[in-house]
Amino acid sequence: MNEALFITLAFLIMMAIIVVAVLYLERHW
């Protein structure tokens, strides 16, 4: 498995989770 690819995927997943969390908090603030 390519290490750079794994790091990129992990980074994108974390960014997606942060975006969803921020949108959820803004809606239910």
N, C-alpha and C. Protein backbone atom coordinates (compact mmCIF):
# COMPACT_ATOMS: atom_id res chain seq x y z
N MET A 1 0.85 -1.20 0.00
CA MET A 1 0.00 0.00 0.00
C MET A 1 0.89 1.24 0.00
N ASN A 2 0.51 2.21 -0.82
CA ASN A 2 1.28 3.45 -0.90
C ASN A 2 1.05 4.29 0.35
N GLU A 3 2.12 4.68 1.01
CA GLU A 3 1.98 5.43 2.26
C GLU A 3 1.39 6.82 2.00
N ALA A 4 1.82 7.47 0.93
CA ALA A 4 1.32 8.81 0.61
C ALA A 4 -0.19 8.76 0.34
N LEU A 5 -0.63 7.71 -0.36
CA LEU A 5 -2.06 7.58 -0.66
C LEU A 5 -2.86 7.40 0.62
N PHE A 6 -2.33 6.58 1.54
CA PHE A 6 -3.03 6.34 2.81
C PHE A 6 -3.14 7.63 3.61
N ILE A 7 -2.05 8.42 3.64
CA ILE A 7 -2.06 9.69 4.39
C ILE A 7 -3.07 10.65 3.75
N THR A 8 -3.10 10.68 2.42
CA THR A 8 -4.04 11.57 1.73
C THR A 8 -5.48 11.19 2.04
N LEU A 9 -5.77 9.89 1.99
CA LEU A 9 -7.14 9.43 2.27
C LEU A 9 -7.53 9.75 3.71
N ALA A 10 -6.62 9.53 4.65
CA ALA A 10 -6.91 9.82 6.05
C ALA A 10 -7.16 11.31 6.24
N PHE A 11 -6.37 12.15 5.56
CA PHE A 11 -6.55 13.60 5.68
C PHE A 11 -7.91 14.02 5.12
N LEU A 12 -8.28 13.48 3.97
CA LEU A 12 -9.57 13.83 3.37
C LEU A 12 -10.73 13.39 4.26
N ILE A 13 -10.61 12.22 4.87
CA ILE A 13 -11.67 11.72 5.75
C ILE A 13 -11.80 12.63 6.97
N MET A 14 -10.68 13.03 7.55
CA MET A 14 -10.73 13.92 8.72
C MET A 14 -11.35 15.26 8.35
N MET A 15 -10.99 15.79 7.19
CA MET A 15 -11.56 17.07 6.75
C MET A 15 -13.07 16.94 6.57
N ALA A 16 -13.51 15.83 5.98
CA ALA A 16 -14.95 15.62 5.76
C ALA A 16 -15.68 15.55 7.09
N ILE A 17 -15.11 14.86 8.08
CA ILE A 17 -15.75 14.75 9.39
C ILE A 17 -15.83 16.12 10.05
N ILE A 18 -14.77 16.93 9.94
CA ILE A 18 -14.77 18.26 10.54
C ILE A 18 -15.83 19.13 9.88
N VAL A 19 -15.93 19.08 8.55
CA VAL A 19 -16.93 19.89 7.84
C VAL A 19 -18.33 19.50 8.26
N VAL A 20 -18.62 18.20 8.34
CA VAL A 20 -19.95 17.74 8.74
C VAL A 20 -20.25 18.18 10.17
N ALA A 21 -19.26 18.08 11.06
CA ALA A 21 -19.47 18.48 12.45
C ALA A 21 -19.76 19.98 12.54
N VAL A 22 -19.02 20.79 11.78
CA VAL A 22 -19.23 22.24 11.82
C VAL A 22 -20.63 22.58 11.29
N LEU A 23 -21.02 21.96 10.19
CA LEU A 23 -22.35 22.24 9.64
C LEU A 23 -23.44 21.81 10.63
N TYR A 24 -23.25 20.67 11.29
CA TYR A 24 -24.24 20.20 12.26
C TYR A 24 -24.34 21.16 13.43
N LEU A 25 -23.21 21.64 13.93
CA LEU A 25 -23.23 22.57 15.06
C LEU A 25 -23.87 23.90 14.66
N GLU A 26 -23.60 24.35 13.43
CA GLU A 26 -24.18 25.63 12.99
C GLU A 26 -25.70 25.51 12.86
N ARG A 27 -26.17 24.35 12.40
CA ARG A 27 -27.62 24.18 12.25
C ARG A 27 -28.32 24.10 13.60
N HIS A 28 -27.68 23.47 14.57
CA HIS A 28 -28.32 23.25 15.87
C HIS A 28 -27.77 24.17 16.95
N TRP A 29 -27.16 25.28 16.54
CA TRP A 29 -26.62 26.20 17.53
C TRP A 29 -27.75 26.88 18.29
